[in-house]
Amino acid sequence: MKNHPSEHIDPVRSKERHIILDALRGLALFGICLANFPEFSLYTFLKSDAVSAMPTAGIDRIIKYIQYILIDGKFYTMFSLLFGIGFSIIISNAMRKHADGFRIFYRRMGILLVIGFLHLMSLWSGDILMLYALLGLLLPLFRNVSNKGLLLASAFLLLVPIAADAARAVSGMDPSAPVVRMQQYFCAKYGITEDNFAFWLRDAASYTDVFKFLVQGAFVRMQEFIDGNRFFKVMGLFLLGFYIGRNRLYANLEGNKKLLKKVSMYGFAIGLPVSVFYAWSSMNGHPWGMTAHSALYAFGVFPVGLAYMASVSLWYLHRRECRIFKILAAPGQMALTNYIGQSVLGMIIFYGIGFGFGADTGLVAVMLVAAGVYLVEAAFSRIWLHYCLFGPLEWIWRMLTYGKWLPLFK
């Protein structure tokens, strides 16, 4: 009698983990927290006159420029690459143990899809997990593609948004129009207007009011994915991450030292100057058009994101015992719990059903709050993992994936 595949395969154990991957994931979570909290705080939704009236308006504008140059898109690039690497580890682990790795993987993605949907509809409209899960389902199709093929496919997908925006500009087509109409329908239904949009969540008297905003927000998210060509970007990064994972570049940092130095040097040399222009374009309403803006994104954001990863890896090579890597690795090992935890804390701090600090907080203060939230998560992660093998949501996700009870405590 044959046993079920899940009886032969288990999650990656602590001794099999690579601390550099957890540290990079922890760093990515920090950047994502800094990138997302301006929206949690409702600062992003404020009109220009309200932003200008903030006591910290001058320094806020500088911080916003810096955010576009150093943060925007860079850490989501890292997070997506790490997802692709994680996929390769799951499959290699499954194949090594002669189990049906693809069945396990598809189940894992299906559960992540459900988690992402619940996150989108109950906590925050900026969810990325659903898109990760949906595109992750396509990754096994590339398992037999050569290394060269993976790199070419990745480069092609990362550059497609430039061509897509050019075609959109020439044709005048608006592919996101249907979801915009749906968003407008729900705004009209619930009484969400241009005047109260930025303050709706701060003034929310009950979770019902929050849910109404989240419903229309789900369509805003779809519009962002379509207009931002996010499908192509994420898939391109997944494939690049899969290439890195397949070749186990993370497991032989010393042997890939020259490559890491080149990625770091050229990534910053090309990406940072282009990111300055990307920031200017973002702050001034894309005066050169969306095609040029997409090109600035591609040649600014992606190189800097790669340079961050390469630079941290080089630092790890020289200072492997540095305490910062253990500090970063703990929240990185509990990435799902901490990602969703940021949404919970953002809601508590800024929405009316919590402390209600939203729409009244300048960007400088928002960044400080975001840093504080991450420090709380890092401390919580260290304490939790001192006693437990997995983060709470990771534990549930893995048990549902493998179809069996897994021990939580060490």
Protein backbone atom coordinates (compact mmCIF):
# COMPACT_ATOMS: atom_id res chain seq x y z
CA MET A 1 0.00 0.00 0.00
CA LYS A 2 1.41 3.39 -1.02
CA ASN A 3 1.64 6.16 1.49
CA HIS A 4 0.38 9.67 0.83
CA PRO A 5 3.14 12.02 -0.41
CA SER A 6 2.73 14.28 2.59
CA GLU A 7 3.86 11.42 4.82
CA HIS A 8 7.29 11.53 3.15
CA ILE A 9 7.95 15.23 3.08
CA ASP A 10 8.27 17.74 5.85
CA PRO A 11 8.98 21.47 6.04
CA VAL A 12 12.55 22.68 5.93
CA ARG A 13 13.98 22.23 9.42
CA SER A 14 16.02 24.83 11.32
CA LYS A 15 19.31 23.03 10.69
CA GLU A 16 18.59 23.05 6.94
CA ARG A 17 17.86 26.79 6.80
CA HIS A 18 20.30 29.32 5.43
CA ILE A 19 20.48 32.32 7.74
CA ILE A 20 21.34 34.67 4.86
CA LEU A 21 17.96 33.99 3.24
CA ASP A 22 16.11 34.64 6.50
CA ALA A 23 18.16 37.82 7.07
CA LEU A 24 17.42 39.08 3.56
CA ARG A 25 13.74 38.30 4.06
CA GLY A 26 13.80 40.16 7.37
CA LEU A 27 15.40 43.17 5.70
CA ALA A 28 12.79 43.04 2.93
CA LEU A 29 10.04 43.06 5.56
CA PHE A 30 11.56 46.18 7.11
CA GLY A 31 11.57 47.96 3.76
CA ILE A 32 8.02 46.81 3.02
CA CYS A 33 6.93 48.21 6.38
CA LEU A 34 8.48 51.59 5.53
CA ALA A 35 6.91 51.52 2.07
CA ASN A 36 3.41 50.53 3.21
CA PHE A 37 2.87 52.61 6.32
CA PRO A 38 2.32 55.92 4.49
CA GLU A 39 -0.79 54.23 3.08
CA PHE A 40 -1.78 52.65 6.39
CA SER A 41 -1.51 56.11 7.98
CA LEU A 42 -3.69 57.53 5.16
CA TYR A 43 -0.95 60.09 4.40
CA THR A 44 -0.86 58.83 0.79
CA PHE A 45 -4.56 59.67 0.34
CA LEU A 46 -4.34 63.28 1.57
CA LYS A 47 -4.80 66.13 -0.89
CA SER A 48 -1.84 68.41 -1.54
CA ASP A 49 -3.24 71.27 0.57
CA ALA A 50 -3.64 68.98 3.59
CA VAL A 51 -0.08 67.67 3.13
CA SER A 52 1.27 71.23 2.84
CA ALA A 53 -0.50 72.20 6.07
CA MET A 54 1.35 69.55 8.09
CA PRO A 55 3.89 71.01 10.57
CA THR A 56 6.55 68.74 9.06
CA ALA A 57 5.60 69.45 5.42
CA GLY A 58 9.09 70.59 4.40
CA ILE A 59 10.98 67.62 5.77
CA ASP A 60 8.16 65.29 4.71
CA ARG A 61 8.75 66.21 1.07
CA ILE A 62 12.44 65.41 1.41
CA ILE A 63 11.62 62.09 3.10
CA LYS A 64 9.22 61.28 0.28
CA TYR A 65 11.97 61.87 -2.30
CA ILE A 66 14.31 59.62 -0.33
CA GLN A 67 11.61 57.00 -0.07
CA TYR A 68 11.19 56.91 -3.85
CA ILE A 69 14.97 56.73 -4.36
CA LEU A 70 15.88 54.13 -1.74
CA ILE A 71 12.70 52.25 -0.79
CA ASP A 72 9.87 52.28 -3.33
CA GLY A 73 9.78 48.95 -5.18
CA LYS A 74 13.26 47.90 -4.03
CA PHE A 75 12.18 45.74 -1.12
CA TYR A 76 9.25 44.22 -2.93
CA THR A 77 11.88 43.27 -5.56
CA MET A 78 13.82 41.48 -2.83
CA PHE A 79 10.70 39.83 -1.44
CA SER A 80 9.68 38.52 -4.87
CA LEU A 81 13.17 37.20 -5.61
CA LEU A 82 13.21 35.41 -2.26
CA PHE A 83 9.85 33.86 -3.06
CA GLY A 84 11.33 32.38 -6.25
CA ILE A 85 14.30 31.08 -4.27
CA GLY A 86 11.91 29.55 -1.73
CA PHE A 87 10.06 27.75 -4.52
CA SER A 88 13.27 26.10 -5.70
CA ILE A 89 14.06 24.97 -2.15
CA ILE A 90 10.61 23.40 -1.71
CA ILE A 91 10.94 21.45 -4.95
CA SER A 92 14.53 20.33 -4.36
CA ASN A 93 13.57 19.23 -0.84
CA ALA A 94 10.64 17.26 -2.23
CA MET A 95 12.64 15.61 -5.00
CA ARG A 96 15.43 14.67 -2.62
CA LYS A 97 12.90 12.82 -0.47
CA HIS A 98 11.22 11.21 -3.49
CA ALA A 99 7.86 12.82 -2.77
CA ASP A 100 5.30 14.50 -4.98
CA GLY A 101 6.73 17.98 -4.53
CA PHE A 102 4.45 19.62 -7.07
CA ARG A 103 1.30 18.41 -5.36
CA ILE A 104 2.62 19.81 -2.10
CA PHE A 105 3.56 23.07 -3.81
CA TYR A 106 0.16 23.56 -5.44
CA ARG A 107 -1.54 22.94 -2.12
CA ARG A 108 0.80 25.46 -0.50
CA MET A 109 -0.06 28.07 -3.12
CA GLY A 110 -3.78 27.36 -2.79
CA ILE A 111 -3.67 27.97 0.94
CA LEU A 112 -1.60 31.14 0.43
CA LEU A 113 -4.25 32.32 -2.04
CA VAL A 114 -6.94 31.93 0.63
CA ILE A 115 -4.77 33.71 3.22
CA GLY A 116 -4.16 36.54 0.76
CA PHE A 117 -7.88 36.89 -0.02
CA LEU A 118 -8.75 37.05 3.68
CA HIS A 119 -5.99 39.62 4.21
CA LEU A 120 -7.22 41.72 1.27
CA MET A 121 -10.86 41.69 2.33
CA SER A 122 -10.50 41.91 6.10
CA LEU A 123 -7.35 43.92 6.88
CA TRP A 124 -5.67 45.80 4.06
CA SER A 125 -6.31 46.55 0.39
CA GLY A 126 -2.59 46.53 -0.39
CA ASP A 127 -2.22 42.75 -0.17
CA ILE A 128 0.45 41.11 -2.36
CA LEU A 129 -0.04 37.50 -1.23
CA MET A 130 -2.89 36.72 -3.63
CA LEU A 131 -0.82 37.79 -6.62
CA TYR A 132 2.15 35.80 -5.32
CA ALA A 133 0.00 32.70 -4.96
CA LEU A 134 -1.65 33.03 -8.38
CA LEU A 135 1.63 33.57 -10.22
CA GLY A 136 3.35 30.99 -8.06
CA LEU A 137 1.01 28.39 -9.55
CA LEU A 138 2.74 28.98 -12.90
CA LEU A 139 6.27 28.41 -11.64
CA PRO A 140 6.35 24.61 -12.11
CA LEU A 141 5.88 25.20 -15.84
CA PHE A 142 9.45 26.55 -15.89
CA ARG A 143 11.09 23.68 -14.00
CA ASN A 144 12.69 22.19 -17.13
CA VAL A 145 13.73 25.49 -18.70
CA SER A 146 17.48 25.95 -18.97
CA ASN A 147 19.34 28.50 -16.87
CA LYS A 148 19.80 30.70 -19.93
CA GLY A 149 16.11 30.36 -20.72
CA LEU A 150 15.15 31.41 -17.20
CA LEU A 151 17.34 34.52 -17.38
CA LEU A 152 16.02 35.48 -20.81
CA ALA A 153 12.41 34.95 -19.74
CA SER A 154 13.02 36.98 -16.58
CA ALA A 155 14.59 39.87 -18.49
CA PHE A 156 11.79 39.81 -21.06
CA LEU A 157 9.05 39.92 -18.43
CA LEU A 158 10.75 42.72 -16.50
CA LEU A 159 10.93 44.84 -19.66
CA VAL A 160 7.40 44.05 -20.93
CA PRO A 161 5.84 46.90 -18.83
CA ILE A 162 7.75 49.48 -20.89
CA ALA A 163 6.31 48.11 -24.14
CA ALA A 164 2.86 47.69 -22.56
CA ASP A 165 2.75 51.33 -21.45
CA ALA A 166 3.98 52.48 -24.88
CA ALA A 167 1.22 50.45 -26.57
CA ARG A 168 -1.33 51.87 -24.15
CA ALA A 169 -0.20 55.42 -24.87
CA VAL A 170 -0.42 54.92 -28.65
CA SER A 171 -3.73 53.04 -28.68
CA GLY A 172 -5.46 55.04 -25.95
CA MET A 173 -6.72 51.79 -24.42
CA ASP A 174 -7.50 51.67 -20.72
CA PRO A 175 -7.48 48.00 -19.60
CA SER A 176 -8.22 48.89 -15.99
CA ALA A 177 -11.44 50.77 -16.85
CA PRO A 178 -13.80 47.91 -15.84
CA VAL A 179 -12.35 47.61 -12.32
CA VAL A 180 -12.35 51.41 -11.95
CA ARG A 181 -16.07 51.41 -12.72
CA MET A 182 -16.62 48.72 -10.11
CA GLN A 183 -14.65 50.72 -7.55
CA GLN A 184 -16.74 53.80 -8.34
CA TYR A 185 -19.91 51.74 -7.98
CA PHE A 186 -19.04 50.62 -4.47
CA CYS A 187 -17.87 54.10 -3.47
CA ALA A 188 -21.24 55.49 -4.55
CA LYS A 189 -23.06 52.67 -2.78
CA TYR A 190 -21.29 53.26 0.54
CA GLY A 191 -21.04 57.04 0.36
CA ILE A 192 -17.26 57.19 -0.07
CA THR A 193 -16.48 60.42 -1.88
CA GLU A 194 -13.43 62.35 -3.02
CA ASP A 195 -13.81 64.62 -0.01
CA ASN A 196 -14.01 61.91 2.68
CA PHE A 197 -11.82 59.25 1.03
CA ALA A 198 -8.65 60.16 2.95
CA PHE A 199 -10.50 60.35 6.28
CA TRP A 200 -12.93 57.43 5.95
CA LEU A 201 -10.82 54.90 7.83
CA ARG A 202 -9.76 57.39 10.50
CA ASP A 203 -13.40 58.29 11.12
CA ALA A 204 -14.63 54.68 10.95
CA ALA A 205 -16.89 54.06 13.96
CA SER A 206 -17.09 50.30 13.45
CA TYR A 207 -15.46 47.48 11.54
CA THR A 208 -18.42 47.59 9.14
CA ASP A 209 -17.21 50.99 7.95
CA VAL A 210 -13.69 49.60 7.53
CA PHE A 211 -15.03 46.67 5.52
CA LYS A 212 -16.89 49.00 3.16
CA PHE A 213 -13.62 50.78 2.41
CA LEU A 214 -11.84 47.45 1.91
CA VAL A 215 -14.43 46.33 -0.65
CA GLN A 216 -13.78 49.29 -2.93
CA GLY A 217 -10.09 49.04 -2.06
CA ALA A 218 -9.93 45.54 -3.55
CA PHE A 219 -10.82 47.04 -6.93
CA VAL A 220 -8.27 49.81 -6.44
CA ARG A 221 -5.70 47.07 -5.87
CA MET A 222 -6.70 45.35 -9.10
CA GLN A 223 -6.34 48.67 -10.92
CA GLU A 224 -2.84 49.08 -9.46
CA PHE A 225 -1.87 45.61 -10.66
CA ILE A 226 -3.17 46.29 -14.17
CA ASP A 227 -1.88 49.84 -14.60
CA GLY A 228 1.43 48.98 -12.96
CA ASN A 229 1.90 45.80 -15.05
CA ARG A 230 2.61 44.07 -11.78
CA PHE A 231 1.91 40.59 -13.18
CA PHE A 232 4.91 40.78 -15.52
CA LYS A 233 7.20 42.30 -12.91
CA VAL A 234 6.48 39.74 -10.22
CA MET A 235 6.74 36.78 -12.60
CA GLY A 236 10.05 38.08 -13.94
CA LEU A 237 11.42 38.36 -10.41
CA PHE A 238 10.08 34.91 -9.50
CA LEU A 239 12.00 33.39 -12.42
CA LEU A 240 15.19 35.20 -11.50
CA GLY A 241 14.78 33.98 -7.93
CA PHE A 242 14.17 30.46 -9.21
CA TYR A 243 17.42 30.68 -11.18
CA ILE A 244 19.29 31.78 -8.04
CA GLY A 245 17.73 28.99 -6.01
CA ARG A 246 18.24 26.28 -8.61
CA ASN A 247 21.95 27.09 -8.77
CA ARG A 248 22.14 27.48 -4.97
CA LEU A 249 24.01 30.76 -5.27
CA TYR A 250 22.95 31.60 -1.70
CA ALA A 251 24.68 28.42 -0.43
CA ASN A 252 28.05 29.27 -2.01
CA LEU A 253 28.50 32.97 -1.38
CA GLU A 254 32.29 32.66 -1.24
CA GLY A 255 32.40 31.00 -4.65
CA ASN A 256 30.14 33.70 -6.09
CA LYS A 257 31.95 36.60 -4.45
CA LYS A 258 33.02 38.18 -7.76
CA LEU A 259 29.48 38.00 -9.10
CA LEU A 260 28.10 39.57 -5.91
CA LYS A 261 30.61 42.43 -6.16
CA LYS A 262 29.60 43.10 -9.77
CA VAL A 263 25.89 43.03 -8.96
CA SER A 264 26.45 45.40 -6.03
CA MET A 265 28.67 47.80 -7.96
CA TYR A 266 26.69 47.96 -11.20
CA GLY A 267 23.33 47.78 -9.41
CA PHE A 268 24.08 50.92 -7.40
CA ALA A 269 26.00 52.66 -10.21
CA ILE A 270 23.09 52.29 -12.62
CA GLY A 271 20.10 52.06 -10.29
CA LEU A 272 20.67 54.95 -7.91
CA PRO A 273 21.10 57.73 -10.54
CA VAL A 274 18.09 56.40 -12.46
CA SER A 275 16.12 56.20 -9.20
CA VAL A 276 16.73 59.93 -8.68
CA PHE A 277 14.94 60.60 -11.97
CA TYR A 278 12.29 58.02 -11.06
CA ALA A 279 11.66 59.88 -7.80
CA TRP A 280 11.38 63.20 -9.64
CA SER A 281 8.93 61.67 -12.14
CA SER A 282 6.84 60.17 -9.32
CA MET A 283 6.73 63.42 -7.36
CA ASN A 284 5.74 65.49 -10.38
CA GLY A 285 2.96 63.46 -11.95
CA HIS A 286 5.03 61.57 -14.56
CA PRO A 287 5.72 64.59 -16.84
CA TRP A 288 7.61 62.44 -19.38
CA GLY A 289 4.72 60.01 -19.71
CA MET A 290 4.14 56.52 -18.34
CA THR A 291 6.40 54.81 -20.88
CA ALA A 292 9.40 56.80 -19.69
CA HIS A 293 8.31 56.30 -16.08
CA SER A 294 8.19 52.52 -16.58
CA ALA A 295 11.67 52.61 -18.08
CA LEU A 296 12.93 54.57 -15.06
CA TYR A 297 11.32 51.99 -12.79
CA ALA A 298 12.89 49.06 -14.61
CA PHE A 299 16.41 50.50 -14.71
CA GLY A 300 16.22 52.13 -11.28
CA VAL A 301 14.23 49.88 -8.97
CA PHE A 302 15.34 46.40 -10.03
CA PRO A 303 19.11 47.10 -10.07
CA VAL A 304 19.01 48.71 -6.62
CA GLY A 305 16.97 45.83 -5.20
CA LEU A 306 19.53 43.35 -6.53
CA ALA A 307 22.38 45.52 -5.24
CA TYR A 308 20.84 45.51 -1.75
CA MET A 309 20.76 41.71 -1.76
CA ALA A 310 24.30 41.38 -3.11
CA SER A 311 25.70 43.94 -0.66
CA VAL A 312 24.10 42.29 2.37
CA SER A 313 25.40 38.92 1.16
CA LEU A 314 28.94 40.33 0.89
CA TRP A 315 28.63 41.83 4.35
CA TYR A 316 27.50 38.44 5.64
CA LEU A 317 30.60 36.85 4.09
CA HIS A 318 32.91 39.21 5.98
CA ARG A 319 30.95 39.50 9.24
CA ARG A 320 29.05 36.23 9.48
CA GLU A 321 28.83 36.43 13.27
CA CYS A 322 27.51 40.00 13.30
CA ARG A 323 24.47 40.25 15.57
CA ILE A 324 22.44 42.15 12.96
CA PHE A 325 21.98 39.01 10.86
CA LYS A 326 20.36 37.13 13.72
CA ILE A 327 18.18 40.16 14.47
CA LEU A 328 17.01 40.28 10.84
CA ALA A 329 16.70 36.51 10.47
CA ALA A 330 14.09 36.12 13.24
CA PRO A 331 11.36 38.23 11.58
CA GLY A 332 12.45 36.81 8.22
CA GLN A 333 11.79 33.29 9.47
CA MET A 334 8.27 34.44 10.41
CA ALA A 335 7.67 36.48 7.24
CA LEU A 336 3.98 35.60 6.80
CA THR A 337 3.12 36.31 10.43
CA ASN A 338 4.99 39.61 10.40
CA TYR A 339 3.67 40.74 7.02
CA ILE A 340 0.09 40.31 8.15
CA GLY A 341 1.02 41.57 11.62
CA GLN A 342 2.01 44.89 10.05
CA SER A 343 -1.53 45.22 8.70
CA VAL A 344 -3.05 44.45 12.11
CA LEU A 345 -0.82 47.00 13.85
CA GLY A 346 -1.40 49.58 11.12
CA MET A 347 -5.15 49.23 11.58
CA ILE A 348 -4.87 49.54 15.36
CA ILE A 349 -2.65 52.62 15.23
CA PHE A 350 -4.24 54.63 12.43
CA TYR A 351 -7.89 53.60 11.95
CA GLY A 352 -10.88 54.92 13.87
CA ILE A 353 -11.62 51.50 15.35
CA GLY A 354 -8.17 51.74 16.97
CA PHE A 355 -6.26 54.82 18.12
CA GLY A 356 -7.32 56.87 15.08
CA PHE A 357 -3.99 58.61 14.35
CA GLY A 358 -4.50 58.34 10.59
CA ALA A 359 -4.67 61.37 8.25
CA ASP A 360 -3.18 63.64 10.92
CA THR A 361 0.38 62.29 10.97
CA GLY A 362 3.23 63.67 8.88
CA LEU A 363 5.50 61.40 6.88
CA VAL A 364 8.45 61.75 9.26
CA ALA A 365 6.33 60.50 12.16
CA VAL A 366 4.88 57.75 9.99
CA MET A 367 8.37 56.48 9.16
CA LEU A 368 9.28 56.48 12.85
CA VAL A 369 6.11 54.56 13.68
CA ALA A 370 6.89 52.05 10.91
CA ALA A 371 10.41 51.55 12.27
CA GLY A 372 8.95 51.06 15.75
CA VAL A 373 6.46 48.49 14.48
CA TYR A 374 9.28 46.55 12.84
CA LEU A 375 11.37 46.61 16.01
CA VAL A 376 8.40 45.25 17.97
CA GLU A 377 7.99 42.49 15.39
CA ALA A 378 11.72 41.69 15.49
CA ALA A 379 11.67 41.42 19.28
CA PHE A 380 8.48 39.33 19.23
CA SER A 381 10.00 37.02 16.61
CA ARG A 382 13.16 36.45 18.65
CA ILE A 383 11.15 35.58 21.75
CA TRP A 384 8.66 33.40 19.88
CA LEU A 385 11.36 31.42 18.02
CA HIS A 386 13.24 30.87 21.26
CA TYR A 387 10.42 28.55 22.27
CA CYS A 388 8.81 27.59 18.95
CA LEU A 389 9.89 26.00 15.68
CA PHE A 390 7.67 28.14 13.43
CA GLY A 391 5.83 31.44 13.51
CA PRO A 392 2.11 31.08 14.38
CA LEU A 393 0.79 31.61 10.85
CA GLU A 394 3.69 29.64 9.35
CA TRP A 395 2.76 26.74 11.62
CA ILE A 396 -0.87 26.78 10.50
CA TRP A 397 0.11 27.21 6.84
CA ARG A 398 2.50 24.26 6.98
CA MET A 399 0.08 21.95 8.74
CA LEU A 400 -2.59 22.67 6.13
CA THR A 401 0.01 22.17 3.40
CA TYR A 402 1.34 18.84 4.64
CA GLY A 403 -1.99 17.60 5.92
CA LYS A 404 -0.76 16.57 9.34
CA TRP A 405 -0.08 17.85 12.84
CA LEU A 406 3.34 19.42 13.24
CA PRO A 407 4.97 20.10 16.62
CA LEU A 408 5.15 23.80 17.47
CA PHE A 409 7.32 23.92 20.58
CA LYS A 410 11.00 23.03 20.63
